[in-house]
Amino acid sequence: MKKDIIIGIIVGLIANAVGVLLFSLYIGSTQDRTITNVLQTAVSEGRLGKIMAIGAVLNLLAFFMMLRQGQDARARGVLLATITIAFVTMILMFT
């Protein structure tokens, strides 16, 4: 049970990281910038929290796929990762 929750948390964090990278690629391709330039600009302008929130959309896919497969504990881990990302995003937006 605990192992499945930890696996779900890891899947949620990886899904969020992939979402951030995909969004950065999308933004970078429209402005002829690299991923690192997009992320550095986001950090300097205080917009990293917004990009992280958009990246968390992929957690929805992971969550519902795990629920559909009957892996409730792993889905709970993805939900915990999403809540953690929400708190980090909130901290980044208000500091």
PDB file of N, CA and C in Angstrom:
ATOM      1  N   MET A   1       0.822  -1.200   0.000  1.00  0.00           N
ATOM      2  CA  MET A   1       0.000   0.000   0.000  1.00  0.00           C
ATOM      3  C   MET A   1       0.865   1.263   0.000  1.00  0.00           C
ATOM      4  N   LYS A   2       1.820   1.357   0.960  1.00  0.00           N
ATOM      5  CA  LYS A   2       2.682   2.531   1.007  1.00  0.00           C
ATOM      6  C   LYS A   2       3.558   2.612  -0.243  1.00  0.00           C
ATOM      7  N   LYS A   3       3.998   1.444  -0.714  1.00  0.00           N
ATOM      8  CA  LYS A   3       4.831   1.409  -1.909  1.00  0.00           C
ATOM      9  C   LYS A   3       4.063   1.964  -3.104  1.00  0.00           C
ATOM     10  N   ASP A   4       2.792   1.608  -3.227  1.00  0.00           N
ATOM     11  CA  ASP A   4       1.969   2.099  -4.339  1.00  0.00           C
ATOM     12  C   ASP A   4       1.749   3.607  -4.253  1.00  0.00           C
ATOM     13  N   ILE A   5       1.574   4.122  -3.055  1.00  0.00           N
ATOM     14  CA  ILE A   5       1.391   5.568  -2.885  1.00  0.00           C
ATOM     15  C   ILE A   5       2.668   6.304  -3.292  1.00  0.00           C
ATOM     16  N   ILE A   6       3.808   5.763  -2.889  1.00  0.00           N
ATOM     17  CA  ILE A   6       5.082   6.393  -3.256  1.00  0.00           C
ATOM     18  C   ILE A   6       5.283   6.346  -4.767  1.00  0.00           C
ATOM     19  N   ILE A   7       4.932   5.224  -5.395  1.00  0.00           N
ATOM     20  CA  ILE A   7       5.017   5.125  -6.850  1.00  0.00           C
ATOM     21  C   ILE A   7       4.102   6.166  -7.497  1.00  0.00           C
ATOM     22  N   GLY A   8       2.909   6.351  -6.953  1.00  0.00           N
ATOM     23  CA  GLY A   8       1.987   7.355  -7.473  1.00  0.00           C
ATOM     24  C   GLY A   8       2.525   8.764  -7.335  1.00  0.00           C
ATOM     25  N   ILE A   9       3.187   9.046  -6.214  1.00  0.00           N
ATOM     26  CA  ILE A   9       3.780  10.369  -6.019  1.00  0.00           C
ATOM     27  C   ILE A   9       4.873  10.605  -7.060  1.00  0.00           C
ATOM     28  N   ILE A  10       5.694   9.594  -7.278  1.00  0.00           N
ATOM     29  CA  ILE A  10       6.773   9.719  -8.266  1.00  0.00           C
ATOM     30  C   ILE A  10       6.190   9.922  -9.664  1.00  0.00           C
ATOM     31  N   VAL A  11       5.148   9.155  -9.999  1.00  0.00           N
ATOM     32  CA  VAL A  11       4.503   9.307 -11.307  1.00  0.00           C
ATOM     33  C   VAL A  11       3.918  10.706 -11.448  1.00  0.00           C
ATOM     34  N   GLY A  12       3.301  11.221 -10.387  1.00  0.00           N
ATOM     35  CA  GLY A  12       2.731  12.569 -10.426  1.00  0.00           C
ATOM     36  C   GLY A  12       3.786  13.640 -10.621  1.00  0.00           C
ATOM     37  N   LEU A  13       4.920  13.501  -9.948  1.00  0.00           N
ATOM     38  CA  LEU A  13       5.991  14.489 -10.102  1.00  0.00           C
ATOM     39  C   LEU A  13       6.610  14.418 -11.493  1.00  0.00           C
ATOM     40  N   ILE A  14       6.780  13.203 -12.001  1.00  0.00           N
ATOM     41  CA  ILE A  14       7.327  13.051 -13.354  1.00  0.00           C
ATOM     42  C   ILE A  14       6.353  13.600 -14.392  1.00  0.00           C
ATOM     43  N   ALA A  15       5.058  13.327 -14.212  1.00  0.00           N
ATOM     44  CA  ALA A  15       4.057  13.845 -15.155  1.00  0.00           C
ATOM     45  C   ALA A  15       4.058  15.367 -15.149  1.00  0.00           C
ATOM     46  N   ASN A  16       4.212  15.960 -13.979  1.00  0.00           N
ATOM     47  CA  ASN A  16       4.257  17.418 -13.906  1.00  0.00           C
ATOM     48  C   ASN A  16       5.510  17.951 -14.587  1.00  0.00           C
ATOM     49  N   ALA A  17       6.645  17.302 -14.372  1.00  0.00           N
ATOM     50  CA  ALA A  17       7.887  17.743 -15.008  1.00  0.00           C
ATOM     51  C   ALA A  17       7.774  17.644 -16.532  1.00  0.00           C
ATOM     52  N   VAL A  18       7.172  16.571 -17.012  1.00  0.00           N
ATOM     53  CA  VAL A  18       6.979  16.421 -18.459  1.00  0.00           C
ATOM     54  C   VAL A  18       6.041  17.513 -18.978  1.00  0.00           C
ATOM     55  N   GLY A  19       5.009  17.821 -18.230  1.00  0.00           N
ATOM     56  CA  GLY A  19       4.089  18.888 -18.629  1.00  0.00           C
ATOM     57  C   GLY A  19       4.774  20.234 -18.694  1.00  0.00           C
ATOM     58  N   VAL A  20       5.633  20.522 -17.727  1.00  0.00           N
ATOM     59  CA  VAL A  20       6.387  21.783 -17.733  1.00  0.00           C
ATOM     60  C   VAL A  20       7.310  21.831 -18.944  1.00  0.00           C
ATOM     61  N   LEU A  21       7.986  20.714 -19.224  1.00  0.00           N
ATOM     62  CA  LEU A  21       8.890  20.683 -20.381  1.00  0.00           C
ATOM     63  C   LEU A  21       8.132  20.827 -21.698  1.00  0.00           C
ATOM     64  N   LEU A  22       6.993  20.157 -21.817  1.00  0.00           N
ATOM     65  CA  LEU A  22       6.202  20.277 -23.041  1.00  0.00           C
ATOM     66  C   LEU A  22       5.702  21.706 -23.245  1.00  0.00           C
ATOM     67  N   PHE A  23       5.245  22.323 -22.168  1.00  0.00           N
ATOM     68  CA  PHE A  23       4.782  23.702 -22.265  1.00  0.00           C
ATOM     69  C   PHE A  23       5.939  24.638 -22.615  1.00  0.00           C
ATOM     70  N   SER A  24       7.112  24.389 -22.027  1.00  0.00           N
ATOM     71  CA  SER A  24       8.283  25.206 -22.334  1.00  0.00           C
ATOM     72  C   SER A  24       8.707  25.022 -23.785  1.00  0.00           C
ATOM     73  N   LEU A  25       8.607  23.797 -24.287  1.00  0.00           N
ATOM     74  CA  LEU A  25       8.909  23.552 -25.698  1.00  0.00           C
ATOM     75  C   LEU A  25       7.945  24.301 -26.605  1.00  0.00           C
ATOM     76  N   TYR A  26       6.673  24.291 -26.227  1.00  0.00           N
ATOM     77  CA  TYR A  26       5.657  24.979 -27.018  1.00  0.00           C
ATOM     78  C   TYR A  26       5.923  26.484 -27.046  1.00  0.00           C
ATOM     79  N   ILE A  27       6.178  27.052 -25.884  1.00  0.00           N
ATOM     80  CA  ILE A  27       6.455  28.483 -25.805  1.00  0.00           C
ATOM     81  C   ILE A  27       7.764  28.810 -26.522  1.00  0.00           C
ATOM     82  N   GLY A  28       8.779  27.971 -26.321  1.00  0.00           N
ATOM     83  CA  GLY A  28      10.065  28.209 -26.949  1.00  0.00           C
ATOM     84  C   GLY A  28      10.014  28.111 -28.461  1.00  0.00           C
ATOM     85  N   SER A  29       9.178  27.215 -28.976  1.00  0.00           N
ATOM     86  CA  SER A  29       9.109  27.060 -30.431  1.00  0.00           C
ATOM     87  C   SER A  29       8.412  28.248 -31.080  1.00  0.00           C
ATOM     88  N   THR A  30       7.504  28.907 -30.361  1.00  0.00           N
ATOM     89  CA  THR A  30       6.821  30.054 -30.940  1.00  0.00           C
ATOM     90  C   THR A  30       7.684  31.315 -30.890  1.00  0.00           C
ATOM     91  N   GLN A  31       8.679  31.329 -30.009  1.00  0.00           N
ATOM     92  CA  GLN A  31       9.510  32.522 -29.866  1.00  0.00           C
ATOM     93  C   GLN A  31      10.979  32.250 -30.172  1.00  0.00           C
ATOM     94  N   ASP A  32      11.290  31.118 -30.781  1.00  0.00           N
ATOM     95  CA  ASP A  32      12.669  30.743 -31.120  1.00  0.00           C
ATOM     96  C   ASP A  32      13.597  30.801 -29.908  1.00  0.00           C
ATOM     97  N   ARG A  33      13.162  30.180 -28.814  1.00  0.00           N
ATOM     98  CA  ARG A  33      13.953  30.144 -27.591  1.00  0.00           C
ATOM     99  C   ARG A  33      14.121  28.697 -27.151  1.00  0.00           C
ATOM    100  N   THR A  34      15.128  28.448 -26.334  1.00  0.00           N
ATOM    101  CA  THR A  34      15.347  27.101 -25.820  1.00  0.00           C
ATOM    102  C   THR A  34      14.574  26.917 -24.519  1.00  0.00           C
ATOM    103  N   ILE A  35      14.503  25.668 -24.078  1.00  0.00           N
ATOM    104  CA  ILE A  35      13.788  25.365 -22.837  1.00  0.00           C
ATOM    105  C   ILE A  35      14.438  26.087 -21.661  1.00  0.00           C
ATOM    106  N   THR A  36      15.747  26.073 -21.614  1.00  0.00           N
ATOM    107  CA  THR A  36      16.431  26.726 -20.494  1.00  0.00           C
ATOM    108  C   THR A  36      16.178  28.228 -20.489  1.00  0.00           C
ATOM    109  N   ASN A  37      16.142  28.845 -21.660  1.00  0.00           N
ATOM    110  CA  ASN A  37      15.844  30.286 -21.715  1.00  0.00           C
ATOM    111  C   ASN A  37      14.431  30.574 -21.232  1.00  0.00           C
ATOM    112  N   VAL A  38      13.488  29.729 -21.629  1.00  0.00           N
ATOM    113  CA  VAL A  38      12.103  29.923 -21.204  1.00  0.00           C
ATOM    114  C   VAL A  38      11.993  29.796 -19.690  1.00  0.00           C
ATOM    115  N   LEU A  39      12.627  28.768 -19.124  1.00  0.00           N
ATOM    116  CA  LEU A  39      12.536  28.562 -17.675  1.00  0.00           C
ATOM    117  C   LEU A  39      13.285  29.651 -16.908  1.00  0.00           C
ATOM    118  N   GLN A  40      14.437  30.094 -17.406  1.00  0.00           N
ATOM    119  CA  GLN A  40      15.169  31.177 -16.741  1.00  0.00           C
ATOM    120  C   GLN A  40      14.368  32.472 -16.773  1.00  0.00           C
ATOM    121  N   THR A  41      13.729  32.750 -17.893  1.00  0.00           N
ATOM    122  CA  THR A  41      12.886  33.937 -17.982  1.00  0.00           C
ATOM    123  C   THR A  41      11.695  33.828 -17.036  1.00  0.00           C
ATOM    124  N   ALA A  42      11.113  32.641 -16.944  1.00  0.00           N
ATOM    125  CA  ALA A  42       9.973  32.438 -16.048  1.00  0.00           C
ATOM    126  C   ALA A  42      10.374  32.655 -14.595  1.00  0.00           C
ATOM    127  N   VAL A  43      11.556  32.186 -14.217  1.00  0.00           N
ATOM    128  CA  VAL A  43      12.030  32.376 -12.844  1.00  0.00           C
ATOM    129  C   VAL A  43      12.285  33.854 -12.584  1.00  0.00           C
ATOM    130  N   SER A  44      12.944  34.528 -13.513  1.00  0.00           N
ATOM    131  CA  SER A  44      13.273  35.939 -13.292  1.00  0.00           C
ATOM    132  C   SER A  44      12.030  36.828 -13.280  1.00  0.00           C
ATOM    133  N   GLU A  45      11.006  36.443 -14.029  1.00  0.00           N
ATOM    134  CA  GLU A  45       9.777  37.245 -14.061  1.00  0.00           C
ATOM    135  C   GLU A  45       8.739  36.777 -13.052  1.00  0.00           C
ATOM    136  N   GLY A  46       9.042  35.730 -12.302  1.00  0.00           N
ATOM    137  CA  GLY A  46       8.124  35.235 -11.289  1.00  0.00           C
ATOM    138  C   GLY A  46       6.944  34.462 -11.851  1.00  0.00           C
ATOM    139  N   ARG A  47       7.120  33.829 -12.990  1.00  0.00           N
ATOM    140  CA  ARG A  47       6.021  33.098 -13.631  1.00  0.00           C
ATOM    141  C   ARG A  47       6.209  31.590 -13.597  1.00  0.00           C
ATOM    142  N   LEU A  48       7.180  31.106 -12.856  1.00  0.00           N
ATOM    143  CA  LEU A  48       7.425  29.666 -12.801  1.00  0.00           C
ATOM    144  C   LEU A  48       6.247  28.934 -12.174  1.00  0.00           C
ATOM    145  N   GLY A  49       5.604  29.541 -11.202  1.00  0.00           N
ATOM    146  CA  GLY A  49       4.437  28.923 -10.573  1.00  0.00           C
ATOM    147  C   GLY A  49       3.308  28.682 -11.559  1.00  0.00           C
ATOM    148  N   LYS A  50       3.114  29.611 -12.458  1.00  0.00           N
ATOM    149  CA  LYS A  50       2.068  29.458 -13.470  1.00  0.00           C
ATOM    150  C   LYS A  50       2.400  28.334 -14.440  1.00  0.00           C
ATOM    151  N   ILE A  51       3.671  28.237 -14.816  1.00  0.00           N
ATOM    152  CA  ILE A  51       4.074  27.160 -15.715  1.00  0.00           C
ATOM    153  C   ILE A  51       3.941  25.811 -15.020  1.00  0.00           C
ATOM    154  N   MET A  52       4.263  25.758 -13.721  1.00  0.00           N
ATOM    155  CA  MET A  52       4.097  24.512 -12.969  1.00  0.00           C
ATOM    156  C   MET A  52       2.631  24.118 -12.883  1.00  0.00           C
ATOM    157  N   ALA A  53       1.759  25.092 -12.706  1.00  0.00           N
ATOM    158  CA  ALA A  53       0.326  24.798 -12.636  1.00  0.00           C
ATOM    159  C   ALA A  53      -0.192  24.260 -13.966  1.00  0.00           C
ATOM    160  N   ILE A  54       0.275  24.817 -15.070  1.00  0.00           N
ATOM    161  CA  ILE A  54      -0.131  24.312 -16.380  1.00  0.00           C
ATOM    162  C   ILE A  54       0.429  22.913 -16.603  1.00  0.00           C
ATOM    163  N   GLY A  55       1.651  22.683 -16.130  1.00  0.00           N
ATOM    164  CA  GLY A  55       2.263  21.362 -16.273  1.00  0.00           C
ATOM    165  C   GLY A  55       1.536  20.274 -15.496  1.00  0.00           C
ATOM    166  N   ALA A  56       0.810  20.662 -14.453  1.00  0.00           N
ATOM    167  CA  ALA A  56       0.099  19.687 -13.632  1.00  0.00           C
ATOM    168  C   ALA A  56      -1.118  19.092 -14.336  1.00  0.00           C
ATOM    169  N   VAL A  57      -1.459  19.607 -15.498  1.00  0.00           N
ATOM    170  CA  VAL A  57      -2.604  19.071 -16.237  1.00  0.00           C
ATOM    171  C   VAL A  57      -2.372  17.603 -16.607  1.00  0.00           C
ATOM    172  N   LEU A  58      -1.125  17.236 -16.856  1.00  0.00           N
ATOM    173  CA  LEU A  58      -0.835  15.835 -17.182  1.00  0.00           C
ATOM    174  C   LEU A  58      -1.116  14.900 -16.002  1.00  0.00           C
ATOM    175  N   ASN A  59      -1.143  15.443 -14.792  1.00  0.00           N
ATOM    176  CA  ASN A  59      -1.486  14.620 -13.641  1.00  0.00           C
ATOM    177  C   ASN A  59      -2.923  14.110 -13.736  1.00  0.00           C
ATOM    178  N   LEU A  60      -3.782  14.867 -14.389  1.00  0.00           N
ATOM    179  CA  LEU A  60      -5.155  14.393 -14.594  1.00  0.00           C
ATOM    180  C   LEU A  60      -5.170  13.092 -15.383  1.00  0.00           C
ATOM    181  N   LEU A  61      -4.376  13.056 -16.441  1.00  0.00           N
ATOM    182  CA  LEU A  61      -4.308  11.840 -17.253  1.00  0.00           C
ATOM    183  C   LEU A  61      -3.800  10.662 -16.436  1.00  0.00           C
ATOM    184  N   ALA A  62      -2.721  10.885 -15.683  1.00  0.00           N
ATOM    185  CA  ALA A  62      -2.161   9.810 -14.865  1.00  0.00           C
ATOM    186  C   ALA A  62      -3.166   9.361 -13.805  1.00  0.00           C
ATOM    187  N   PHE A  63      -3.840  10.305 -13.184  1.00  0.00           N
ATOM    188  CA  PHE A  63      -4.806   9.985 -12.132  1.00  0.00           C
ATOM    189  C   PHE A  63      -5.946   9.131 -12.667  1.00  0.00           C
ATOM    190  N   PHE A  64      -6.544   9.553 -13.767  1.00  0.00           N
ATOM    191  CA  PHE A  64      -7.690   8.806 -14.288  1.00  0.00           C
ATOM    192  C   PHE A  64      -7.282   7.478 -14.913  1.00  0.00           C
ATOM    193  N   MET A  65      -6.082   7.401 -15.484  1.00  0.00           N
ATOM    194  CA  MET A  65      -5.615   6.120 -15.995  1.00  0.00           C
ATOM    195  C   MET A  65      -5.437   5.113 -14.864  1.00  0.00           C
ATOM    196  N   MET A  66      -4.909   5.563 -13.740  1.00  0.00           N
ATOM    197  CA  MET A  66      -4.714   4.661 -12.611  1.00  0.00           C
ATOM    198  C   MET A  66      -6.033   4.261 -11.982  1.00  0.00           C
ATOM    199  N   LEU A  67      -6.980   5.176 -11.938  1.00  0.00           N
ATOM    200  CA  LEU A  67      -8.304   4.812 -11.428  1.00  0.00           C
ATOM    201  C   LEU A  67      -8.978   3.795 -12.332  1.00  0.00           C
ATOM    202  N   ARG A  68      -8.850   3.981 -13.626  1.00  0.00           N
ATOM    203  CA  ARG A  68      -9.467   3.062 -14.585  1.00  0.00           C
ATOM    204  C   ARG A  68      -8.874   1.661 -14.471  1.00  0.00           C
ATOM    205  N   GLN A  69      -7.573   1.580 -14.149  1.00  0.00           N
ATOM    206  CA  GLN A  69      -6.907   0.292 -14.017  1.00  0.00           C
ATOM    207  C   GLN A  69      -7.080  -0.318 -12.631  1.00  0.00           C
ATOM    208  N   GLY A  70      -7.777   0.363 -11.750  1.00  0.00           N
ATOM    209  CA  GLY A  70      -8.030  -0.157 -10.412  1.00  0.00           C
ATOM    210  C   GLY A  70      -6.865   0.021  -9.456  1.00  0.00           C
ATOM    211  N   GLN A  71      -5.965   0.916  -9.748  1.00  0.00           N
ATOM    212  CA  GLN A  71      -4.817   1.181  -8.890  1.00  0.00           C
ATOM    213  C   GLN A  71      -5.113   2.406  -8.030  1.00  0.00           C
ATOM    214  N   ASP A  72      -5.990   2.220  -7.068  1.00  0.00           N
ATOM    215  CA  ASP A  72      -6.458   3.338  -6.253  1.00  0.00           C
ATOM    216  C   ASP A  72      -5.351   3.948  -5.401  1.00  0.00           C
ATOM    217  N   ALA A  73      -4.456   3.131  -4.871  1.00  0.00           N
ATOM    218  CA  ALA A  73      -3.383   3.661  -4.019  1.00  0.00           C
ATOM    219  C   ALA A  73      -2.428   4.521  -4.840  1.00  0.00           C
ATOM    220  N   ARG A  74      -2.117   4.088  -6.047  1.00  0.00           N
ATOM    221  CA  ARG A  74      -1.245   4.901  -6.897  1.00  0.00           C
ATOM    222  C   ARG A  74      -1.936   6.190  -7.315  1.00  0.00           C
ATOM    223  N   ALA A  75      -3.225   6.131  -7.579  1.00  0.00           N
ATOM    224  CA  ALA A  75      -3.985   7.337  -7.906  1.00  0.00           C
ATOM    225  C   ALA A  75      -3.971   8.306  -6.723  1.00  0.00           C
ATOM    226  N   ARG A  76      -4.038   7.757  -5.519  1.00  0.00           N
ATOM    227  CA  ARG A  76      -3.958   8.597  -4.326  1.00  0.00           C
ATOM    228  C   ARG A  76      -2.596   9.282  -4.251  1.00  0.00           C
ATOM    229  N   GLY A  77      -1.529   8.587  -4.638  1.00  0.00           N
ATOM    230  CA  GLY A  77      -0.195   9.180  -4.674  1.00  0.00           C
ATOM    231  C   GLY A  77      -0.099  10.315  -5.677  1.00  0.00           C
ATOM    232  N   VAL A  78      -0.720  10.125  -6.844  1.00  0.00           N
ATOM    233  CA  VAL A  78      -0.737  11.200  -7.849  1.00  0.00           C
ATOM    234  C   VAL A  78      -1.484  12.409  -7.299  1.00  0.00           C
ATOM    235  N   LEU A  79      -2.565  12.160  -6.604  1.00  0.00           N
ATOM    236  CA  LEU A  79      -3.324  13.252  -6.003  1.00  0.00           C
ATOM    237  C   LEU A  79      -2.491  13.980  -4.954  1.00  0.00           C
ATOM    238  N   LEU A  80      -1.746  13.251  -4.145  1.00  0.00           N
ATOM    239  CA  LEU A  80      -0.876  13.883  -3.153  1.00  0.00           C
ATOM    240  C   LEU A  80       0.217  14.718  -3.830  1.00  0.00           C
ATOM    241  N   ALA A  81       0.760  14.218  -4.922  1.00  0.00           N
ATOM    242  CA  ALA A  81       1.769  14.988  -5.668  1.00  0.00           C
ATOM    243  C   ALA A  81       1.155  16.265  -6.230  1.00  0.00           C
ATOM    244  N   THR A  82      -0.068  16.170  -6.724  1.00  0.00           N
ATOM    245  CA  THR A  82      -0.740  17.345  -7.277  1.00  0.00           C
ATOM    246  C   THR A  82      -1.008  18.383  -6.194  1.00  0.00           C
ATOM    247  N   ILE A  83      -1.397  17.941  -5.024  1.00  0.00           N
ATOM    248  CA  ILE A  83      -1.635  18.862  -3.906  1.00  0.00           C
ATOM    249  C   ILE A  83      -0.325  19.529  -3.489  1.00  0.00           C
ATOM    250  N   THR A  84       0.751  18.752  -3.459  1.00  0.00           N
ATOM    251  CA  THR A  84       2.063  19.306  -3.115  1.00  0.00           C
ATOM    252  C   THR A  84       2.486  20.353  -4.136  1.00  0.00           C
ATOM    253  N   ILE A  85       2.282  20.049  -5.404  1.00  0.00           N
ATOM    254  CA  ILE A  85       2.626  21.006  -6.462  1.00  0.00           C
ATOM    255  C   ILE A  85       1.771  22.265  -6.340  1.00  0.00           C
ATOM    256  N   ALA A  86       0.522  22.106  -5.958  1.00  0.00           N
ATOM    257  CA  ALA A  86      -0.357  23.267  -5.767  1.00  0.00           C
ATOM    258  C   ALA A  86       0.168  24.167  -4.648  1.00  0.00           C
ATOM    259  N   PHE A  87       0.640  23.566  -3.547  1.00  0.00           N
ATOM    260  CA  PHE A  87       1.197  24.372  -2.457  1.00  0.00           C
ATOM    261  C   PHE A  87       2.481  25.070  -2.892  1.00  0.00           C
ATOM    262  N   VAL A  88       3.346  24.373  -3.611  1.00  0.00           N
ATOM    263  CA  VAL A  88       4.584  24.987  -4.096  1.00  0.00           C
ATOM    264  C   VAL A  88       4.260  26.136  -5.046  1.00  0.00           C
ATOM    265  N   THR A  89       3.279  25.929  -5.909  1.00  0.00           N
ATOM    266  CA  THR A  89       2.855  26.975  -6.850  1.00  0.00           C
ATOM    267  C   THR A  89       2.333  28.185  -6.090  1.00  0.00           C
ATOM    268  N   MET A  90       1.529  27.926  -5.062  1.00  0.00           N
ATOM    269  CA  MET A  90       0.986  29.021  -4.259  1.00  0.00           C
ATOM    270  C   MET A  90       2.100  29.800  -3.562  1.00  0.00           C
ATOM    271  N   ILE A  91       3.090  29.099  -3.051  1.00  0.00           N
ATOM    272  CA  ILE A  91       4.213  29.765  -2.396  1.00  0.00           C
ATOM    273  C   ILE A  91       4.997  30.596  -3.403  1.00  0.00           C
ATOM    274  N   LEU A  92       5.222  30.038  -4.593  1.00  0.00           N
ATOM    275  CA  LEU A  92       5.965  30.788  -5.618  1.00  0.00           C
ATOM    276  C   LEU A  92       5.201  32.019  -6.093  1.00  0.00           C
ATOM    277  N   MET A  93       3.895  31.934  -6.134  1.00  0.00           N
ATOM    278  CA  MET A  93       3.105  33.070  -6.623  1.00  0.00           C
ATOM    279  C   MET A  93       3.020  34.204  -5.604  1.00  0.00           C
ATOM    280  N   PHE A  94       3.071  33.881  -4.316  1.00  0.00           N
ATOM    281  CA  PHE A  94       2.887  34.908  -3.300  1.00  0.00           C
ATOM    282  C   PHE A  94       4.188  35.360  -2.645  1.00  0.00           C
ATOM    283  N   THR A  95       5.334  34.923  -3.176  1.00  0.00           N
ATOM    284  CA  THR A  95       6.600  35.395  -2.607  1.00  0.00           C
ATOM    285  C   THR A  95       7.331  36.271  -3.590  1.00  0.00           C
TER     286      THR A  95
END
